[in-house]
Amino acid sequence: MDDSEIVKRDHQRNKSEIVKLVKEMFNQGKWGDEEYKEKLQELVTKDEELVKNVIKKIKLEKGIK
C-alpha cells in the first residue's frame, strides 16, 4: 500500500469515527454536551489534517506543486 492509499484509508476511518460519535450523541440525547463537543472537535481537526495530507500525497504522486 503506498502513502496516498494509507492517508486515504486513515481519512476514511476518521470520517467513520465522526459519524459514529454523532450517532452516539443523538442516540443518548447529548447533542451539545461539552464532552462530546470536544471529542467531535478533535476528530474534525484530525480530519482536516488528514485531508491536507491526502491532497499533498496526491499532488506529490502526480508531480503537481
N, C-alpha and C. Protein backbone atom coordinates (compact mmCIF):
# COMPACT_ATOMS: atom_id res chain seq x y z
N MET A 1 0.85 -1.17 0.00
CA MET A 1 0.00 0.00 0.00
C MET A 1 0.90 1.24 0.00
N ASP A 2 0.67 2.14 -0.95
CA ASP A 2 1.52 3.33 -1.00
C ASP A 2 1.00 4.42 -0.04
N ASP A 3 1.78 5.48 0.08
CA ASP A 3 1.47 6.54 1.06
C ASP A 3 0.10 7.16 0.85
N SER A 4 -0.26 7.43 -0.41
CA SER A 4 -1.55 8.08 -0.64
C SER A 4 -2.70 7.15 -0.26
N GLU A 5 -2.55 5.86 -0.48
CA GLU A 5 -3.60 4.91 -0.08
C GLU A 5 -3.72 4.85 1.44
N ILE A 6 -2.61 4.93 2.13
CA ILE A 6 -2.62 4.90 3.59
C ILE A 6 -3.33 6.13 4.15
N VAL A 7 -2.99 7.31 3.64
CA VAL A 7 -3.64 8.51 4.17
C VAL A 7 -5.12 8.56 3.79
N LYS A 8 -5.46 8.04 2.62
CA LYS A 8 -6.87 7.97 2.23
C LYS A 8 -7.63 7.04 3.18
N ARG A 9 -7.01 5.89 3.51
CA ARG A 9 -7.63 4.94 4.43
C ARG A 9 -7.81 5.56 5.81
N ASP A 10 -6.78 6.28 6.28
CA ASP A 10 -6.88 6.94 7.59
C ASP A 10 -7.99 7.98 7.59
N HIS A 11 -8.12 8.69 6.50
CA HIS A 11 -9.18 9.70 6.37
C HIS A 11 -10.55 9.03 6.43
N GLN A 12 -10.72 7.91 5.73
CA GLN A 12 -11.99 7.18 5.75
C GLN A 12 -12.32 6.70 7.15
N ARG A 13 -11.33 6.17 7.83
CA ARG A 13 -11.53 5.70 9.21
C ARG A 13 -11.96 6.84 10.13
N ASN A 14 -11.31 7.98 9.98
CA ASN A 14 -11.64 9.12 10.82
C ASN A 14 -13.06 9.61 10.54
N LYS A 15 -13.45 9.63 9.26
CA LYS A 15 -14.82 10.02 8.92
C LYS A 15 -15.82 9.08 9.57
N SER A 16 -15.50 7.80 9.58
CA SER A 16 -16.38 6.82 10.22
C SER A 16 -16.50 7.09 11.72
N GLU A 17 -15.40 7.47 12.34
CA GLU A 17 -15.42 7.80 13.76
C GLU A 17 -16.28 9.04 14.03
N ILE A 18 -16.23 10.01 13.14
CA ILE A 18 -17.06 11.21 13.29
C ILE A 18 -18.54 10.83 13.23
N VAL A 19 -18.90 10.04 12.22
CA VAL A 19 -20.29 9.61 12.07
C VAL A 19 -20.74 8.81 13.30
N LYS A 20 -19.90 7.92 13.75
CA LYS A 20 -20.21 7.10 14.93
C LYS A 20 -20.46 7.98 16.16
N LEU A 21 -19.61 8.97 16.36
CA LEU A 21 -19.76 9.86 17.51
C LEU A 21 -21.03 10.69 17.41
N VAL A 22 -21.33 11.19 16.23
CA VAL A 22 -22.55 11.99 16.06
C VAL A 22 -23.79 11.13 16.33
N LYS A 23 -23.79 9.90 15.81
CA LYS A 23 -24.92 9.00 16.08
C LYS A 23 -25.06 8.73 17.58
N GLU A 24 -23.94 8.52 18.24
CA GLU A 24 -23.95 8.29 19.68
C GLU A 24 -24.52 9.50 20.42
N MET A 25 -24.12 10.68 19.99
CA MET A 25 -24.61 11.91 20.63
C MET A 25 -26.13 12.00 20.50
N PHE A 26 -26.65 11.73 19.31
CA PHE A 26 -28.09 11.80 19.11
C PHE A 26 -28.82 10.71 19.87
N ASN A 27 -28.30 9.48 19.82
CA ASN A 27 -28.96 8.36 20.50
C ASN A 27 -29.04 8.57 22.00
N GLN A 28 -28.04 9.21 22.57
CA GLN A 28 -28.02 9.42 24.01
C GLN A 28 -28.62 10.77 24.41
N GLY A 29 -29.09 11.52 23.41
CA GLY A 29 -29.69 12.82 23.70
C GLY A 29 -28.69 13.80 24.26
N LYS A 30 -27.44 13.67 23.83
CA LYS A 30 -26.38 14.53 24.38
C LYS A 30 -25.83 15.50 23.33
N TRP A 31 -26.66 15.83 22.34
CA TRP A 31 -26.22 16.79 21.35
C TRP A 31 -25.95 18.11 22.06
N GLY A 32 -24.75 18.64 21.89
CA GLY A 32 -24.38 19.88 22.55
C GLY A 32 -23.67 19.67 23.88
N ASP A 33 -23.60 18.44 24.36
CA ASP A 33 -22.88 18.13 25.58
C ASP A 33 -21.41 18.50 25.39
N GLU A 34 -20.84 19.18 26.35
CA GLU A 34 -19.48 19.71 26.22
C GLU A 34 -18.44 18.61 25.94
N GLU A 35 -18.57 17.49 26.63
CA GLU A 35 -17.62 16.39 26.44
C GLU A 35 -17.66 15.88 24.99
N TYR A 36 -18.86 15.72 24.46
CA TYR A 36 -18.99 15.27 23.08
C TYR A 36 -18.52 16.32 22.09
N LYS A 37 -18.79 17.57 22.40
CA LYS A 37 -18.33 18.65 21.52
C LYS A 37 -16.82 18.64 21.39
N GLU A 38 -16.14 18.42 22.51
CA GLU A 38 -14.67 18.38 22.50
C GLU A 38 -14.17 17.20 21.68
N LYS A 39 -14.77 16.02 21.89
CA LYS A 39 -14.38 14.85 21.11
C LYS A 39 -14.60 15.06 19.62
N LEU A 40 -15.76 15.63 19.30
CA LEU A 40 -16.09 15.88 17.90
C LEU A 40 -15.13 16.89 17.29
N GLN A 41 -14.80 17.93 18.03
CA GLN A 41 -13.86 18.94 17.52
C GLN A 41 -12.49 18.32 17.27
N GLU A 42 -12.06 17.44 18.16
CA GLU A 42 -10.77 16.76 17.97
C GLU A 42 -10.77 15.94 16.68
N LEU A 43 -11.86 15.21 16.45
CA LEU A 43 -11.96 14.39 15.24
C LEU A 43 -12.02 15.25 13.98
N VAL A 44 -12.73 16.35 14.05
CA VAL A 44 -12.84 17.25 12.90
C VAL A 44 -11.47 17.87 12.59
N THR A 45 -10.76 18.29 13.62
CA THR A 45 -9.42 18.85 13.43
C THR A 45 -8.49 17.81 12.84
N LYS A 46 -8.56 16.59 13.36
CA LYS A 46 -7.75 15.50 12.83
C LYS A 46 -8.09 15.26 11.36
N ASP A 47 -9.38 15.30 11.04
CA ASP A 47 -9.81 15.07 9.67
C ASP A 47 -9.29 16.15 8.73
N GLU A 48 -9.28 17.39 9.19
CA GLU A 48 -8.74 18.47 8.38
C GLU A 48 -7.28 18.21 8.04
N GLU A 49 -6.52 17.74 9.02
CA GLU A 49 -5.11 17.41 8.78
C GLU A 49 -4.97 16.24 7.82
N LEU A 50 -5.82 15.23 7.99
CA LEU A 50 -5.78 14.08 7.10
C LEU A 50 -6.09 14.48 5.66
N VAL A 51 -7.07 15.36 5.49
CA VAL A 51 -7.41 15.84 4.14
C VAL A 51 -6.22 16.57 3.53
N LYS A 52 -5.56 17.40 4.31
CA LYS A 52 -4.37 18.09 3.81
C LYS A 52 -3.31 17.10 3.37
N ASN A 53 -3.13 16.03 4.17
CA ASN A 53 -2.14 15.01 3.83
C ASN A 53 -2.52 14.26 2.56
N VAL A 54 -3.81 13.96 2.39
CA VAL A 54 -4.27 13.28 1.17
C VAL A 54 -3.96 14.14 -0.04
N ILE A 55 -4.30 15.40 0.03
CA ILE A 55 -4.06 16.32 -1.09
C ILE A 55 -2.57 16.42 -1.38
N LYS A 56 -1.76 16.54 -0.34
CA LYS A 56 -0.31 16.65 -0.50
C LYS A 56 0.25 15.40 -1.18
N LYS A 57 -0.14 14.23 -0.72
CA LYS A 57 0.37 12.97 -1.28
C LYS A 57 -0.04 12.81 -2.74
N ILE A 58 -1.28 13.15 -3.06
CA ILE A 58 -1.75 13.03 -4.44
C ILE A 58 -0.98 13.98 -5.33
N LYS A 59 -0.77 15.21 -4.87
CA LYS A 59 -0.01 16.18 -5.65
C LYS A 59 1.42 15.71 -5.88
N LEU A 60 2.03 15.15 -4.85
CA LEU A 60 3.39 14.64 -4.99
C LEU A 60 3.46 13.52 -6.02
N GLU A 61 2.50 12.62 -5.98
CA GLU A 61 2.47 11.49 -6.91
C GLU A 61 2.27 11.96 -8.35
N LYS A 62 1.48 13.01 -8.51
CA LYS A 62 1.19 13.50 -9.86
C LYS A 62 2.16 14.58 -10.31
N GLY A 63 3.07 14.96 -9.44
CA GLY A 63 4.06 15.98 -9.79
C GLY A 63 3.48 17.38 -9.87
N ILE A 64 2.41 17.62 -9.13
CA ILE A 64 1.77 18.94 -9.10
C ILE A 64 2.30 19.69 -7.90
N LYS A 65 2.61 20.96 -8.11
CA LYS A 65 3.14 21.77 -7.00
C LYS A 65 2.06 22.44 -6.23
